[in-house]
Amino acid sequence: MNVRNHLIFGVHITERIRHVPTVQQLLSEYGCYIKTRLGLHEVDQNSCSPNGLLVLEMFGDEAKCQELFEKLNAVEGVEVKKIVFGHP
C-alpha cells in the first residue's frame, strides 16, 4: 500500500454473538496488517446491542489488505466498506 495513503475498513456486524467467532479468526489471521482496531456497539444497563461496528486502520501489503476485505465481506451478517485517504 502507498505509505502516503490511509486505508480504513468499516466493518458492520449483525448478530454479533453468532458471527464474531468467524470475524475474530480472520482478524487474527491478518493481524499483522491491522495497525489500529476500534470496536463499537450500543450498550446500556438493560441490554447489549446484537450489532456492532469495527473500524480497522490497515497497514502493509495492499493485496493482503484486499484479501481480508473480501473474506470479511463473504461472512454472513458482515458488511465492509473501504475508505482511502490519500496524501500528497
Protein backbone atom coordinates (compact mmCIF):
# COMPACT_ATOMS: atom_id res chain seq x y z
CA MET A 1 0.00 0.00 0.00
CA ASN A 2 1.19 3.50 -0.72
CA VAL A 3 2.63 4.76 2.58
CA ARG A 4 1.06 8.15 1.94
CA ASN A 5 -2.45 6.69 1.97
CA HIS A 6 -4.56 5.67 4.95
CA LEU A 7 -6.75 2.64 4.32
CA ILE A 8 -9.70 2.28 6.70
CA PHE A 9 -12.25 -0.55 6.81
CA GLY A 10 -15.61 -0.03 8.45
CA VAL A 11 -16.96 -3.47 9.40
CA HIS A 12 -20.65 -3.73 10.36
CA ILE A 13 -21.55 -6.98 12.11
CA THR A 14 -25.13 -8.08 12.74
CA GLU A 15 -25.95 -10.76 15.29
CA ARG A 16 -22.53 -10.32 16.89
CA ILE A 17 -22.73 -13.41 19.08
CA ARG A 18 -23.33 -15.58 16.02
CA HIS A 19 -20.85 -14.02 13.57
CA VAL A 20 -18.00 -12.70 15.70
CA PRO A 21 -16.09 -16.01 16.01
CA THR A 22 -15.52 -16.11 12.24
CA VAL A 23 -14.65 -12.41 12.15
CA GLN A 24 -12.21 -12.80 15.06
CA GLN A 25 -10.50 -15.72 13.31
CA LEU A 26 -9.93 -13.54 10.22
CA LEU A 27 -8.72 -10.59 12.30
CA SER A 28 -6.19 -12.87 14.00
CA GLU A 29 -5.08 -14.35 10.66
CA TYR A 30 -4.49 -10.87 9.18
CA GLY A 31 -3.41 -9.20 12.43
CA CYS A 32 -0.05 -8.08 11.05
CA TYR A 33 -1.91 -5.88 8.54
CA ILE A 34 -4.13 -4.17 11.12
CA LYS A 35 -2.49 -1.12 12.67
CA THR A 36 -5.50 0.07 14.71
CA ARG A 37 -8.72 -1.69 15.71
CA LEU A 38 -11.68 0.01 17.36
CA GLY A 39 -14.88 -1.82 18.29
CA LEU A 40 -18.19 -0.02 18.87
CA HIS A 41 -21.60 -1.29 19.93
CA GLU A 42 -24.58 0.04 21.84
CA VAL A 43 -24.86 -0.99 25.48
CA ASP A 44 -26.90 0.19 28.47
CA GLN A 45 -27.92 -1.14 31.89
CA ASN A 46 -30.56 -3.43 30.42
CA SER A 47 -29.19 -4.69 27.13
CA CYS A 48 -26.27 -5.11 24.79
CA SER A 49 -26.83 -4.47 21.09
CA PRO A 50 -26.70 -7.54 18.85
CA ASN A 51 -24.96 -5.41 16.20
CA GLY A 52 -21.52 -3.85 16.23
CA LEU A 53 -19.09 -1.79 14.22
CA LEU A 54 -15.34 -2.27 13.87
CA VAL A 55 -13.04 0.39 12.50
CA LEU A 56 -9.78 -1.03 11.16
CA GLU A 57 -6.78 1.03 10.09
CA MET A 58 -4.87 -1.18 7.68
CA PHE A 59 -1.11 -1.41 7.18
CA GLY A 60 1.29 -3.04 4.73
CA ASP A 61 0.73 -5.21 1.67
CA GLU A 62 -2.28 -3.87 -0.22
CA ALA A 63 -3.07 -7.31 -1.69
CA LYS A 64 -3.25 -8.84 1.80
CA CYS A 65 -5.49 -5.98 2.98
CA GLN A 66 -7.76 -6.61 -0.01
CA GLU A 67 -7.87 -10.34 0.85
CA LEU A 68 -9.09 -9.51 4.34
CA PHE A 69 -11.67 -7.09 2.90
CA GLU A 70 -13.04 -9.80 0.60
CA LYS A 71 -13.03 -12.54 3.25
CA LEU A 72 -14.83 -10.35 5.78
CA ASN A 73 -17.43 -9.34 3.18
CA ALA A 74 -18.04 -13.03 2.46
CA VAL A 75 -19.06 -13.73 6.07
CA GLU A 76 -22.81 -13.90 6.61
CA GLY A 77 -24.03 -10.90 8.61
CA VAL A 78 -20.95 -8.80 7.86
CA GLU A 79 -20.71 -5.76 5.56
CA VAL A 80 -17.41 -3.97 4.95
CA LYS A 81 -16.84 -0.51 3.50
CA LYS A 82 -13.46 0.82 2.45
CA ILE A 83 -12.21 4.40 2.86
CA VAL A 84 -8.91 5.56 1.35
CA PHE A 85 -7.44 8.90 2.38
CA GLY A 86 -4.67 9.97 0.01
CA HIS A 87 -1.92 12.38 0.96
CA PRO A 88 0.27 14.39 -1.42
